[in-house]
């Protein structure tokens, strides 16, 4: 038995062959953890930048760590946020 699902805000259809009617308790938690792990692993090393009020997504390639130097000085706020002090960071 197959099932036709309407996905992506009603603009696409998907036919599913395996139908599991048990969506309660531990079975659903196991499915959810497997699905989450597969999504995270498939999107590894991809960086997304959103723009235009969050309506446009751009995927960056080669998104490894950016090497930056550590800051040597920083400002902290004092007296209920009315004053700033410059401190040295070792």
PDB file of N, CA and C in Angstrom:
ATOM      1  N   UNK A   1       0.848  -1.175   0.000  1.00  0.00           N
ATOM      2  CA  UNK A   1       0.000   0.000   0.000  1.00  0.00           C
ATOM      3  C   UNK A   1       0.891   1.234   0.000  1.00  0.00           C
ATOM      4  N   UNK A   2       0.582   2.205  -0.824  1.00  0.00           N
ATOM      5  CA  UNK A   2       1.364   3.438  -0.873  1.00  0.00           C
ATOM      6  C   UNK A   2       0.479   4.612  -0.484  1.00  0.00           C
ATOM      7  N   UNK A   3       1.155   5.697  -0.163  1.00  0.00           N
ATOM      8  CA  UNK A   3       0.459   6.885   0.317  1.00  0.00           C
ATOM      9  C   UNK A   3       1.005   8.095  -0.405  1.00  0.00           C
ATOM     10  N   UNK A   4       0.130   8.996  -0.819  1.00  0.00           N
ATOM     11  CA  UNK A   4       0.543  10.218  -1.496  1.00  0.00           C
ATOM     12  C   UNK A   4       0.548  11.358  -0.478  1.00  0.00           C
ATOM     13  N   UNK A   5       1.748  11.945  -0.266  1.00  0.00           N
ATOM     14  CA  UNK A   5       1.885  13.048   0.677  1.00  0.00           C
ATOM     15  C   UNK A   5       2.007  14.357  -0.081  1.00  0.00           C
ATOM     16  N   UNK A   6       1.399  15.393   0.427  1.00  0.00           N
ATOM     17  CA  UNK A   6       1.536  16.735  -0.138  1.00  0.00           C
ATOM     18  C   UNK A   6       2.537  17.470   0.734  1.00  0.00           C
ATOM     19  N   UNK A   7       3.647  17.940   0.112  1.00  0.00           N
ATOM     20  CA  UNK A   7       4.737  18.553   0.870  1.00  0.00           C
ATOM     21  C   UNK A   7       5.078  19.917   0.289  1.00  0.00           C
ATOM     22  N   UNK A   8       5.995  20.621   0.946  1.00  0.00           N
ATOM     23  CA  UNK A   8       6.513  21.931   0.531  1.00  0.00           C
ATOM     24  C   UNK A   8       5.391  22.945   0.307  1.00  0.00           C
ATOM     25  N   UNK A   9       4.639  23.193   1.341  1.00  0.00           N
ATOM     26  CA  UNK A   9       3.552  24.173   1.336  1.00  0.00           C
ATOM     27  C   UNK A   9       2.482  23.871   0.289  1.00  0.00           C
ATOM     28  N   UNK A  10       2.321  22.599  -0.028  1.00  0.00           N
ATOM     29  CA  UNK A  10       1.283  22.197  -0.966  1.00  0.00           C
ATOM     30  C   UNK A  10       1.670  22.298  -2.418  1.00  0.00           C
ATOM     31  N   UNK A  11       2.944  22.520  -2.715  1.00  0.00           N
ATOM     32  CA  UNK A  11       3.360  22.673  -4.109  1.00  0.00           C
ATOM     33  C   UNK A  11       3.948  21.405  -4.704  1.00  0.00           C
ATOM     34  N   UNK A  12       4.247  20.385  -3.893  1.00  0.00           N
ATOM     35  CA  UNK A  12       4.849  19.147  -4.388  1.00  0.00           C
ATOM     36  C   UNK A  12       4.140  17.937  -3.799  1.00  0.00           C
ATOM     37  N   UNK A  13       4.275  16.811  -4.494  1.00  0.00           N
ATOM     38  CA  UNK A  13       3.710  15.546  -4.040  1.00  0.00           C
ATOM     39  C   UNK A  13       4.818  14.535  -3.866  1.00  0.00           C
ATOM     40  N   UNK A  14       4.632  13.594  -2.949  1.00  0.00           N
ATOM     41  CA  UNK A  14       5.602  12.538  -2.695  1.00  0.00           C
ATOM     42  C   UNK A  14       4.832  11.253  -2.422  1.00  0.00           C
ATOM     43  N   UNK A  15       5.246  10.168  -3.052  1.00  0.00           N
ATOM     44  CA  UNK A  15       4.593   8.878  -2.840  1.00  0.00           C
ATOM     45  C   UNK A  15       5.469   8.042  -1.913  1.00  0.00           C
ATOM     46  N   UNK A  16       4.886   7.568  -0.824  1.00  0.00           N
ATOM     47  CA  UNK A  16       5.599   6.793   0.189  1.00  0.00           C
ATOM     48  C   UNK A  16       5.084   5.363   0.148  1.00  0.00           C
ATOM     49  N   UNK A  17       6.037   4.393   0.061  1.00  0.00           N
ATOM     50  CA  UNK A  17       5.643   2.984   0.025  1.00  0.00           C
ATOM     51  C   UNK A  17       5.569   2.375   1.421  1.00  0.00           C
ATOM     52  N   UNK A  18       6.566   2.643   2.265  1.00  0.00           N
ATOM     53  CA  UNK A  18       6.564   2.111   3.623  1.00  0.00           C
ATOM     54  C   UNK A  18       5.753   3.019   4.521  1.00  0.00           C
ATOM     55  N   UNK A  19       4.693   2.485   5.055  1.00  0.00           N
ATOM     56  CA  UNK A  19       3.830   3.269   5.939  1.00  0.00           C
ATOM     57  C   UNK A  19       3.881   2.643   7.317  1.00  0.00           C
ATOM     58  N   UNK A  20       4.285   3.430   8.309  1.00  0.00           N
ATOM     59  CA  UNK A  20       4.296   2.965   9.681  1.00  0.00           C
ATOM     60  C   UNK A  20       3.222   3.727  10.446  1.00  0.00           C
ATOM     61  N   UNK A  21       2.300   2.991  11.022  1.00  0.00           N
ATOM     62  CA  UNK A  21       1.201   3.627  11.733  1.00  0.00           C
ATOM     63  C   UNK A  21       1.501   3.867  13.206  1.00  0.00           C
ATOM     64  N   UNK A  22       2.675   3.406  13.686  1.00  0.00           N
ATOM     65  CA  UNK A  22       3.039   3.569  15.080  1.00  0.00           C
ATOM     66  C   UNK A  22       3.907   4.824  15.220  1.00  0.00           C
ATOM     67  N   UNK A  23       3.323   5.930  15.603  1.00  0.00           N
ATOM     68  CA  UNK A  23       4.050   7.187  15.763  1.00  0.00           C
ATOM     69  C   UNK A  23       3.976   7.690  17.195  1.00  0.00           C
ATOM     70  N   UNK A  24       4.066   6.792  18.148  1.00  0.00           N
ATOM     71  CA  UNK A  24       3.966   7.196  19.541  1.00  0.00           C
ATOM     72  C   UNK A  24       5.153   6.674  20.335  1.00  0.00           C
ATOM     73  N   UNK A  25       5.533   7.414  21.349  1.00  0.00           N
ATOM     74  CA  UNK A  25       6.523   6.961  22.309  1.00  0.00           C
ATOM     75  C   UNK A  25       7.913   6.774  21.758  1.00  0.00           C
ATOM     76  N   UNK A  26       8.521   5.654  22.120  1.00  0.00           N
ATOM     77  CA  UNK A  26       9.917   5.382  21.791  1.00  0.00           C
ATOM     78  C   UNK A  26      10.150   5.206  20.294  1.00  0.00           C
ATOM     79  N   UNK A  27       9.192   4.660  19.591  1.00  0.00           N
ATOM     80  CA  UNK A  27       9.351   4.461  18.140  1.00  0.00           C
ATOM     81  C   UNK A  27       9.543   5.795  17.437  1.00  0.00           C
ATOM     82  N   UNK A  28       8.736   6.783  17.791  1.00  0.00           N
ATOM     83  CA  UNK A  28       8.863   8.096  17.176  1.00  0.00           C
ATOM     84  C   UNK A  28      10.169   8.774  17.588  1.00  0.00           C
ATOM     85  N   UNK A  29      10.573   8.622  18.837  1.00  0.00           N
ATOM     86  CA  UNK A  29      11.836   9.224  19.285  1.00  0.00           C
ATOM     87  C   UNK A  29      13.028   8.638  18.532  1.00  0.00           C
ATOM     88  N   UNK A  30      13.010   7.324  18.284  1.00  0.00           N
ATOM     89  CA  UNK A  30      14.076   6.696  17.511  1.00  0.00           C
ATOM     90  C   UNK A  30      14.095   7.214  16.076  1.00  0.00           C
ATOM     91  N   UNK A  31      12.915   7.301  15.457  1.00  0.00           N
ATOM     92  CA  UNK A  31      12.821   7.834  14.094  1.00  0.00           C
ATOM     93  C   UNK A  31      13.333   9.271  14.046  1.00  0.00           C
ATOM     94  N   UNK A  32      12.945  10.074  15.020  1.00  0.00           N
ATOM     95  CA  UNK A  32      13.338  11.479  15.056  1.00  0.00           C
ATOM     96  C   UNK A  32      14.855  11.616  15.228  1.00  0.00           C
ATOM     97  N   UNK A  33      15.469  10.808  16.080  1.00  0.00           N
ATOM     98  CA  UNK A  33      16.917  10.889  16.276  1.00  0.00           C
ATOM     99  C   UNK A  33      17.670  10.437  15.022  1.00  0.00           C
ATOM    100  N   UNK A  34      17.191   9.376  14.337  1.00  0.00           N
ATOM    101  CA  UNK A  34      17.826   8.941  13.085  1.00  0.00           C
ATOM    102  C   UNK A  34      17.703  10.016  12.008  1.00  0.00           C
ATOM    103  N   UNK A  35      16.550  10.616  11.915  1.00  0.00           N
ATOM    104  CA  UNK A  35      16.310  11.659  10.908  1.00  0.00           C
ATOM    105  C   UNK A  35      17.184  12.885  11.194  1.00  0.00           C
ATOM    106  N   UNK A  36      17.276  13.293  12.441  1.00  0.00           N
ATOM    107  CA  UNK A  36      18.090  14.440  12.815  1.00  0.00           C
ATOM    108  C   UNK A  36      19.554  14.184  12.512  1.00  0.00           C
ATOM    109  N   UNK A  37      20.050  12.998  12.841  1.00  0.00           N
ATOM    110  CA  UNK A  37      21.441  12.659  12.573  1.00  0.00           C
ATOM    111  C   UNK A  37      21.724  12.660  11.086  1.00  0.00           C
ATOM    112  N   UNK A  38      20.831  12.126  10.276  1.00  0.00           N
ATOM    113  CA  UNK A  38      21.069  12.090   8.831  1.00  0.00           C
ATOM    114  C   UNK A  38      21.044  13.493   8.236  1.00  0.00           C
ATOM    115  N   UNK A  39      20.188  14.363   8.725  1.00  0.00           N
ATOM    116  CA  UNK A  39      20.128  15.735   8.219  1.00  0.00           C
ATOM    117  C   UNK A  39      21.388  16.499   8.593  1.00  0.00           C
ATOM    118  N   UNK A  40      21.845  16.335   9.821  1.00  0.00           N
ATOM    119  CA  UNK A  40      23.049  17.040  10.268  1.00  0.00           C
ATOM    120  C   UNK A  40      24.272  16.560   9.500  1.00  0.00           C
ATOM    121  N   UNK A  41      24.402  15.242   9.289  1.00  0.00           N
ATOM    122  CA  UNK A  41      25.557  14.718   8.578  1.00  0.00           C
ATOM    123  C   UNK A  41      25.537  15.091   7.102  1.00  0.00           C
ATOM    124  N   UNK A  42      24.363  15.205   6.507  1.00  0.00           N
ATOM    125  CA  UNK A  42      24.302  15.563   5.089  1.00  0.00           C
ATOM    126  C   UNK A  42      24.617  17.040   4.872  1.00  0.00           C
ATOM    127  N   UNK A  43      24.427  17.873   5.873  1.00  0.00           N
ATOM    128  CA  UNK A  43      24.678  19.299   5.732  1.00  0.00           C
ATOM    129  C   UNK A  43      26.002  19.725   6.365  1.00  0.00           C
ATOM    130  N   UNK A  44      26.908  18.776   6.545  1.00  0.00           N
ATOM    131  CA  UNK A  44      28.186  19.085   7.168  1.00  0.00           C
ATOM    132  C   UNK A  44      29.025  19.980   6.251  1.00  0.00           C
ATOM    133  N   UNK A  45      29.723  20.921   6.829  1.00  0.00           N
ATOM    134  CA  UNK A  45      30.609  21.852   6.132  1.00  0.00           C
ATOM    135  C   UNK A  45      29.876  22.741   5.125  1.00  0.00           C
ATOM    136  N   UNK A  46      28.610  23.043   5.364  1.00  0.00           N
ATOM    137  CA  UNK A  46      27.896  24.002   4.531  1.00  0.00           C
ATOM    138  C   UNK A  46      27.483  25.170   5.421  1.00  0.00           C
ATOM    139  N   UNK A  47      27.762  26.365   4.964  1.00  0.00           N
ATOM    140  CA  UNK A  47      27.386  27.555   5.706  1.00  0.00           C
ATOM    141  C   UNK A  47      26.312  28.287   4.926  1.00  0.00           C
ATOM    142  N   UNK A  48      25.261  28.691   5.622  1.00  0.00           N
ATOM    143  CA  UNK A  48      24.152  29.370   4.977  1.00  0.00           C
ATOM    144  C   UNK A  48      24.138  30.816   5.438  1.00  0.00           C
ATOM    145  N   UNK A  49      24.028  31.725   4.477  1.00  0.00           N
ATOM    146  CA  UNK A  49      23.875  33.136   4.789  1.00  0.00           C
ATOM    147  C   UNK A  49      22.494  33.557   4.309  1.00  0.00           C
ATOM    148  N   UNK A  50      21.706  34.135   5.214  1.00  0.00           N
ATOM    149  CA  UNK A  50      20.391  34.613   4.822  1.00  0.00           C
ATOM    150  C   UNK A  50      20.441  36.118   4.650  1.00  0.00           C
ATOM    151  N   UNK A  51      19.678  36.603   3.693  1.00  0.00           N
ATOM    152  CA  UNK A  51      19.617  38.046   3.444  1.00  0.00           C
ATOM    153  C   UNK A  51      18.206  38.404   2.995  1.00  0.00           C
ATOM    154  N   UNK A  52      17.977  39.665   2.773  1.00  0.00           N
ATOM    155  CA  UNK A  52      16.680  40.169   2.332  1.00  0.00           C
ATOM    156  C   UNK A  52      15.568  39.740   3.282  1.00  0.00           C
ATOM    157  N   UNK A  53      15.751  40.075   4.544  1.00  0.00           N
ATOM    158  CA  UNK A  53      14.792  39.763   5.618  1.00  0.00           C
ATOM    159  C   UNK A  53      14.552  38.268   5.787  1.00  0.00           C
ATOM    160  N   UNK A  54      15.559  37.470   5.490  1.00  0.00           N
ATOM    161  CA  UNK A  54      15.466  36.033   5.681  1.00  0.00           C
ATOM    162  C   UNK A  54      14.809  35.292   4.548  1.00  0.00           C
ATOM    163  N   UNK A  55      14.545  35.943   3.426  1.00  0.00           N
ATOM    164  CA  UNK A  55      13.874  35.277   2.316  1.00  0.00           C
ATOM    165  C   UNK A  55      14.844  34.683   1.302  1.00  0.00           C
ATOM    166  N   UNK A  56      16.117  35.081   1.330  1.00  0.00           N
ATOM    167  CA  UNK A  56      17.102  34.590   0.379  1.00  0.00           C
ATOM    168  C   UNK A  56      18.178  33.832   1.141  1.00  0.00           C
ATOM    169  N   UNK A  57      18.517  32.626   0.683  1.00  0.00           N
ATOM    170  CA  UNK A  57      19.575  31.832   1.307  1.00  0.00           C
ATOM    171  C   UNK A  57      20.694  31.635   0.302  1.00  0.00           C
ATOM    172  N   UNK A  58      21.926  31.802   0.772  1.00  0.00           N
ATOM    173  CA  UNK A  58      23.093  31.553  -0.060  1.00  0.00           C
ATOM    174  C   UNK A  58      23.973  30.552   0.661  1.00  0.00           C
ATOM    175  N   UNK A  59      24.387  29.500  -0.052  1.00  0.00           N
ATOM    176  CA  UNK A  59      25.247  28.471   0.513  1.00  0.00           C
ATOM    177  C   UNK A  59      26.686  28.770   0.134  1.00  0.00           C
ATOM    178  N   UNK A  60      27.551  28.837   1.130  1.00  0.00           N
ATOM    179  CA  UNK A  60      28.957  29.081   0.889  1.00  0.00           C
ATOM    180  C   UNK A  60      29.698  27.760   0.805  1.00  0.00           C
ATOM    181  N   UNK A  61      30.663  27.682  -0.086  1.00  0.00           N
ATOM    182  CA  UNK A  61      31.486  26.488  -0.189  1.00  0.00           C
ATOM    183  C   UNK A  61      32.812  26.744   0.503  1.00  0.00           C
ATOM    184  N   UNK A  62      33.519  25.672   0.823  1.00  0.00           N
ATOM    185  CA  UNK A  62      34.790  25.755   1.535  1.00  0.00           C
ATOM    186  C   UNK A  62      34.640  26.557   2.826  1.00  0.00           C
ATOM    187  N   UNK A  63      33.698  26.162   3.640  1.00  0.00           N
ATOM    188  CA  UNK A  63      33.400  26.903   4.858  1.00  0.00           C
ATOM    189  C   UNK A  63      34.162  26.357   6.060  1.00  0.00           C
ATOM    190  N   UNK A  64      35.444  26.131   5.891  1.00  0.00           N
ATOM    191  CA  UNK A  64      36.238  25.682   7.024  1.00  0.00           C
ATOM    192  C   UNK A  64      36.448  26.851   7.982  1.00  0.00           C
ATOM    193  N   UNK A  65      37.092  26.601   9.092  1.00  0.00           N
ATOM    194  CA  UNK A  65      37.282  27.638  10.094  1.00  0.00           C
ATOM    195  C   UNK A  65      38.145  28.775   9.560  1.00  0.00           C
ATOM    196  N   UNK A  66      37.750  29.970   9.899  1.00  0.00           N
ATOM    197  CA  UNK A  66      38.503  31.148   9.499  1.00  0.00           C
ATOM    198  C   UNK A  66      39.510  31.457  10.598  1.00  0.00           C
ATOM    199  N   UNK A  67      40.754  31.595  10.204  1.00  0.00           N
ATOM    200  CA  UNK A  67      41.787  31.877  11.187  1.00  0.00           C
ATOM    201  C   UNK A  67      41.799  33.369  11.493  1.00  0.00           C
ATOM    202  N   UNK A  68      41.577  33.682  12.738  1.00  0.00           N
ATOM    203  CA  UNK A  68      41.613  35.072  13.174  1.00  0.00           C
ATOM    204  C   UNK A  68      42.494  35.170  14.399  1.00  0.00           C
ATOM    205  N   UNK A  69      43.077  36.318  14.588  1.00  0.00           N
ATOM    206  CA  UNK A  69      43.888  36.517  15.778  1.00  0.00           C
ATOM    207  C   UNK A  69      42.978  36.847  16.955  1.00  0.00           C
ATOM    208  N   UNK A  70      43.427  36.509  18.137  1.00  0.00           N
ATOM    209  CA  UNK A  70      42.630  36.776  19.324  1.00  0.00           C
ATOM    210  C   UNK A  70      42.738  38.257  19.672  1.00  0.00           C
ATOM    211  N   UNK A  71      41.640  38.836  20.142  1.00  0.00           N
ATOM    212  CA  UNK A  71      41.708  40.247  20.526  1.00  0.00           C
ATOM    213  C   UNK A  71      42.591  40.426  21.765  1.00  0.00           C
ATOM    214  N   UNK A  72      43.334  41.497  21.788  1.00  0.00           N
ATOM    215  CA  UNK A  72      44.216  41.776  22.915  1.00  0.00           C
ATOM    216  C   UNK A  72      43.577  42.717  23.936  1.00  0.00           C
ATOM    217  N   UNK A  73      42.570  43.462  23.501  1.00  0.00           N
ATOM    218  CA  UNK A  73      41.882  44.389  24.398  1.00  0.00           C
ATOM    219  C   UNK A  73      40.382  44.313  24.132  1.00  0.00           C
ATOM    220  N   UNK A  74      39.589  44.633  25.174  1.00  0.00           N
ATOM    221  CA  UNK A  74      38.137  44.602  25.044  1.00  0.00           C
ATOM    222  C   UNK A  74      37.524  45.630  25.987  1.00  0.00           C
ATOM    223  N   UNK A  75      36.338  46.061  25.633  1.00  0.00           N
ATOM    224  CA  UNK A  75      35.597  46.983  26.495  1.00  0.00           C
ATOM    225  C   UNK A  75      34.627  46.192  27.368  1.00  0.00           C
ATOM    226  N   UNK A  76      34.491  46.613  28.630  1.00  0.00           N
ATOM    227  CA  UNK A  76      33.461  46.070  29.507  1.00  0.00           C
ATOM    228  C   UNK A  76      32.633  47.241  30.001  1.00  0.00           C
ATOM    229  N   UNK A  77      31.374  46.993  30.261  1.00  0.00           N
ATOM    230  CA  UNK A  77      30.509  48.057  30.764  1.00  0.00           C
ATOM    231  C   UNK A  77      30.458  47.989  32.277  1.00  0.00           C
ATOM    232  N   UNK A  78      30.411  49.148  32.902  1.00  0.00           N
ATOM    233  CA  UNK A  78      30.349  49.245  34.360  1.00  0.00           C
ATOM    234  C   UNK A  78      29.259  50.227  34.748  1.00  0.00           C
ATOM    235  N   UNK A  79      28.944  50.244  36.015  1.00  0.00           N
ATOM    236  CA  UNK A  79      27.981  51.175  36.606  1.00  0.00           C
ATOM    237  C   UNK A  79      26.651  51.180  35.855  1.00  0.00           C
ATOM    238  N   UNK A  80      26.010  50.007  35.845  1.00  0.00           N
ATOM    239  CA  UNK A  80      24.694  49.807  35.231  1.00  0.00           C
ATOM    240  C   UNK A  80      24.670  50.131  33.742  1.00  0.00           C
ATOM    241  N   UNK A  81      25.793  49.938  33.079  1.00  0.00           N
ATOM    242  CA  UNK A  81      25.857  50.131  31.645  1.00  0.00           C
ATOM    243  C   UNK A  81      26.071  51.551  31.186  1.00  0.00           C
ATOM    244  N   UNK A  82      26.427  52.459  32.108  1.00  0.00           N
ATOM    245  CA  UNK A  82      26.600  53.854  31.712  1.00  0.00           C
ATOM    246  C   UNK A  82      28.038  54.192  31.348  1.00  0.00           C
ATOM    247  N   UNK A  83      29.001  53.377  31.753  1.00  0.00           N
ATOM    248  CA  UNK A  83      30.409  53.653  31.460  1.00  0.00           C
ATOM    249  C   UNK A  83      31.073  52.423  30.866  1.00  0.00           C
ATOM    250  N   UNK A  84      32.155  52.651  30.097  1.00  0.00           N
ATOM    251  CA  UNK A  84      32.926  51.563  29.510  1.00  0.00           C
ATOM    252  C   UNK A  84      34.370  51.674  29.959  1.00  0.00           C
ATOM    253  N   UNK A  85      34.998  50.501  30.162  1.00  0.00           N
ATOM    254  CA  UNK A  85      36.408  50.453  30.518  1.00  0.00           C
ATOM    255  C   UNK A  85      37.125  49.562  29.526  1.00  0.00           C
ATOM    256  N   UNK A  86      38.307  49.950  29.114  1.00  0.00           N
ATOM    257  CA  UNK A  86      39.133  49.155  28.217  1.00  0.00           C
ATOM    258  C   UNK A  86      40.059  48.289  29.062  1.00  0.00           C
ATOM    259  N   UNK A  87      39.990  46.961  28.843  1.00  0.00           N
ATOM    260  CA  UNK A  87      40.839  46.054  29.627  1.00  0.00           C
ATOM    261  C   UNK A  87      41.724  45.260  28.658  1.00  0.00           C
ATOM    262  N   UNK A  88      42.869  44.796  29.181  1.00  0.00           N
ATOM    263  CA  UNK A  88      43.779  43.965  28.402  1.00  0.00           C
ATOM    264  C   UNK A  88      43.455  42.495  28.659  1.00  0.00           C
ATOM    265  N   UNK A  89      43.473  41.689  27.611  1.00  0.00           N
ATOM    266  CA  UNK A  89      43.208  40.261  27.719  1.00  0.00           C
ATOM    267  C   UNK A  89      44.541  39.538  27.501  1.00  0.00           C
ATOM    268  N   UNK A  90      44.913  38.678  28.450  1.00  0.00           N
ATOM    269  CA  UNK A  90      46.188  37.951  28.335  1.00  0.00           C
ATOM    270  C   UNK A  90      46.042  36.708  27.516  1.00  0.00           C
TER     271      UNK A  90
END
